[in-house]
Amino acid sequence: MTGTQLNNADYPDYKDNKYKELTEKIINIFYKVYNKLGCGFLEKVYENAMMKELKKAGIPTASQAPIKVFYEGEIMGEYFADILVDDKVIVEIKAAKSLVIENEA
């Protein structure tokens, strides 16, 4: 999983929840990590724990995965996802007292 390239045109059916089963596994792992660690840690702690649990579950993952961002066929920059799961789902870790509108994807 190196240098994955994502383009909005590559995922025309994203509204159909194409990766529902994988997403459900990720969410369950998130709750497992959160229930064990609780709140109060930096994002990196949760990221490391998520990576450990995802790997234990046999799910391919990459931490701080570089993703090239395209606009009208040209590379506009590179984005680093906290966790890229199975080259399909991006997980962004947020550690805060509460989420604000800027945290929503």
C-alpha atoms as a PDB file:
ATOM      1  CA  MET A   1       0.000   0.000   0.000  1.00  0.00           C
ATOM      2  CA  THR A   2       2.247   2.769  -1.184  1.00  0.00           C
ATOM      3  CA  GLY A   3       1.284   5.936  -2.994  1.00  0.00           C
ATOM      4  CA  THR A   4      -2.400   5.164  -3.490  1.00  0.00           C
ATOM      5  CA  GLN A   5      -4.094   7.554  -5.902  1.00  0.00           C
ATOM      6  CA  LEU A   6      -7.697   8.573  -5.285  1.00  0.00           C
ATOM      7  CA  ASN A   7      -9.881  10.536  -7.652  1.00  0.00           C
ATOM      8  CA  ASN A   8     -13.572  11.319  -7.072  1.00  0.00           C
ATOM      9  CA  ALA A   9     -14.347   9.934 -10.525  1.00  0.00           C
ATOM     10  CA  ASP A  10     -12.952   6.567  -9.410  1.00  0.00           C
ATOM     11  CA  TYR A  11     -15.833   6.116  -6.930  1.00  0.00           C
ATOM     12  CA  PRO A  12     -19.104   7.004  -8.652  1.00  0.00           C
ATOM     13  CA  ASP A  13     -21.094   4.629  -6.440  1.00  0.00           C
ATOM     14  CA  TYR A  14     -19.818   5.848  -3.053  1.00  0.00           C
ATOM     15  CA  LYS A  15     -23.390   6.659  -2.034  1.00  0.00           C
ATOM     16  CA  ASP A  16     -24.258   2.963  -2.335  1.00  0.00           C
ATOM     17  CA  ASN A  17     -22.010   2.231   0.667  1.00  0.00           C
ATOM     18  CA  LYS A  18     -19.714   0.038  -1.406  1.00  0.00           C
ATOM     19  CA  TYR A  19     -17.545  -0.883   1.569  1.00  0.00           C
ATOM     20  CA  LYS A  20     -20.266  -1.372   4.170  1.00  0.00           C
ATOM     21  CA  GLU A  21     -18.888  -4.649   5.565  1.00  0.00           C
ATOM     22  CA  LEU A  22     -15.352  -3.262   5.842  1.00  0.00           C
ATOM     23  CA  THR A  23     -16.616  -0.023   7.380  1.00  0.00           C
ATOM     24  CA  GLU A  24     -18.602  -1.952   9.987  1.00  0.00           C
ATOM     25  CA  LYS A  25     -15.455  -3.898  10.942  1.00  0.00           C
ATOM     26  CA  ILE A  26     -13.519  -0.633  11.288  1.00  0.00           C
ATOM     27  CA  ILE A  27     -16.226   0.910  13.476  1.00  0.00           C
ATOM     28  CA  ASN A  28     -16.345  -2.171  15.714  1.00  0.00           C
ATOM     29  CA  ILE A  29     -12.565  -2.027  16.088  1.00  0.00           C
ATOM     30  CA  PHE A  30     -12.786   1.683  16.896  1.00  0.00           C
ATOM     31  CA  TYR A  31     -15.242   0.972  19.730  1.00  0.00           C
ATOM     32  CA  LYS A  32     -13.016  -1.826  21.034  1.00  0.00           C
ATOM     33  CA  VAL A  33     -10.045   0.566  21.150  1.00  0.00           C
ATOM     34  CA  TYR A  34     -12.064   3.402  22.667  1.00  0.00           C
ATOM     35  CA  ASN A  35     -13.623   1.166  25.313  1.00  0.00           C
ATOM     36  CA  LYS A  36     -10.183  -0.106  26.367  1.00  0.00           C
ATOM     37  CA  LEU A  37      -8.301   3.220  26.263  1.00  0.00           C
ATOM     38  CA  GLY A  38     -11.045   5.667  27.149  1.00  0.00           C
ATOM     39  CA  CYS A  39     -10.556   9.344  26.444  1.00  0.00           C
ATOM     40  CA  GLY A  40      -7.705  11.766  27.055  1.00  0.00           C
ATOM     41  CA  PHE A  41      -4.911  10.532  24.819  1.00  0.00           C
ATOM     42  CA  LEU A  42      -3.295  12.135  21.789  1.00  0.00           C
ATOM     43  CA  GLU A  43      -4.480  11.064  18.349  1.00  0.00           C
ATOM     44  CA  LYS A  44      -1.295   9.041  17.740  1.00  0.00           C
ATOM     45  CA  VAL A  45      -2.109   6.722  20.664  1.00  0.00           C
ATOM     46  CA  TYR A  46      -5.509   5.896  19.186  1.00  0.00           C
ATOM     47  CA  GLU A  47      -3.977   5.539  15.717  1.00  0.00           C
ATOM     48  CA  ASN A  48      -1.396   3.046  17.019  1.00  0.00           C
ATOM     49  CA  ALA A  49      -4.066   1.047  18.852  1.00  0.00           C
ATOM     50  CA  MET A  50      -6.332   1.035  15.782  1.00  0.00           C
ATOM     51  CA  MET A  51      -3.434  -0.163  13.612  1.00  0.00           C
ATOM     52  CA  LYS A  52      -2.715  -2.983  16.076  1.00  0.00           C
ATOM     53  CA  GLU A  53      -6.352  -4.137  16.170  1.00  0.00           C
ATOM     54  CA  LEU A  54      -6.841  -3.870  12.399  1.00  0.00           C
ATOM     55  CA  LYS A  55      -3.731  -5.982  11.834  1.00  0.00           C
ATOM     56  CA  LYS A  56      -4.892  -8.520  14.457  1.00  0.00           C
ATOM     57  CA  ALA A  57      -8.128  -8.764  12.477  1.00  0.00           C
ATOM     58  CA  GLY A  58      -6.137  -9.517   9.317  1.00  0.00           C
ATOM     59  CA  ILE A  59      -7.194  -6.303   7.599  1.00  0.00           C
ATOM     60  CA  PRO A  60      -4.482  -4.675   5.448  1.00  0.00           C
ATOM     61  CA  THR A  61      -3.640  -1.191   6.719  1.00  0.00           C
ATOM     62  CA  ALA A  62      -1.184   1.644   6.189  1.00  0.00           C
ATOM     63  CA  SER A  63      -0.486   4.413   8.678  1.00  0.00           C
ATOM     64  CA  GLN A  64       0.116   7.965   7.414  1.00  0.00           C
ATOM     65  CA  ALA A  65      -0.536   6.689   3.888  1.00  0.00           C
ATOM     66  CA  PRO A  66       0.366   9.145   1.115  1.00  0.00           C
ATOM     67  CA  ILE A  67      -2.493   9.820  -1.287  1.00  0.00           C
ATOM     68  CA  LYS A  68      -2.090  11.966  -4.385  1.00  0.00           C
ATOM     69  CA  VAL A  69      -4.924  14.466  -4.842  1.00  0.00           C
ATOM     70  CA  PHE A  70      -6.021  15.193  -8.406  1.00  0.00           C
ATOM     71  CA  TYR A  71      -7.997  18.098  -9.793  1.00  0.00           C
ATOM     72  CA  GLU A  72      -8.920  18.118 -13.470  1.00  0.00           C
ATOM     73  CA  GLY A  73      -6.353  15.442 -14.169  1.00  0.00           C
ATOM     74  CA  GLU A  74      -3.457  17.196 -12.455  1.00  0.00           C
ATOM     75  CA  ILE A  75      -1.850  16.446  -9.120  1.00  0.00           C
ATOM     76  CA  MET A  76      -2.648  19.267  -6.705  1.00  0.00           C
ATOM     77  CA  GLY A  77      -0.782  17.839  -3.770  1.00  0.00           C
ATOM     78  CA  GLU A  78      -0.391  14.938  -1.466  1.00  0.00           C
ATOM     79  CA  TYR A  79      -2.576  14.079   1.496  1.00  0.00           C
ATOM     80  CA  PHE A  80      -1.538  11.776   4.327  1.00  0.00           C
ATOM     81  CA  ALA A  81      -4.387   9.675   5.686  1.00  0.00           C
ATOM     82  CA  ASP A  82      -4.083   8.701   9.353  1.00  0.00           C
ATOM     83  CA  ILE A  83      -5.005   5.148   8.386  1.00  0.00           C
ATOM     84  CA  LEU A  84      -5.778   3.705   4.959  1.00  0.00           C
ATOM     85  CA  VAL A  85      -7.659   0.433   5.341  1.00  0.00           C
ATOM     86  CA  ASP A  86      -7.380  -2.151   2.568  1.00  0.00           C
ATOM     87  CA  ASP A  87      -6.672   0.635   0.021  1.00  0.00           C
ATOM     88  CA  LYS A  88     -10.397   1.454   0.261  1.00  0.00           C
ATOM     89  CA  VAL A  89     -11.348   3.348   3.421  1.00  0.00           C
ATOM     90  CA  ILE A  90      -9.656   6.396   4.936  1.00  0.00           C
ATOM     91  CA  VAL A  91      -9.777   6.682   8.726  1.00  0.00           C
ATOM     92  CA  GLU A  92      -9.040  10.081  10.244  1.00  0.00           C
ATOM     93  CA  ILE A  93      -8.426  10.040  13.976  1.00  0.00           C
ATOM     94  CA  LYS A  94      -9.743  12.958  16.052  1.00  0.00           C
ATOM     95  CA  ALA A  95      -9.037  13.356  19.738  1.00  0.00           C
ATOM     96  CA  ALA A  96     -10.948  16.289  21.205  1.00  0.00           C
ATOM     97  CA  LYS A  97     -13.405  17.107  23.972  1.00  0.00           C
ATOM     98  CA  SER A  98     -16.076  17.341  21.298  1.00  0.00           C
ATOM     99  CA  LEU A  99     -16.265  17.375  17.515  1.00  0.00           C
ATOM    100  CA  VAL A 100     -16.900  20.598  15.677  1.00  0.00           C
ATOM    101  CA  ILE A 101     -18.179  21.128  12.142  1.00  0.00           C
ATOM    102  CA  GLU A 102     -14.595  21.365  10.823  1.00  0.00           C
ATOM    103  CA  ASN A 103     -14.006  17.738  11.907  1.00  0.00           C
ATOM    104  CA  GLU A 104     -16.803  16.354   9.759  1.00  0.00           C
ATOM    105  CA  ALA A 105     -15.974  14.738   6.417  1.00  0.00           C
END
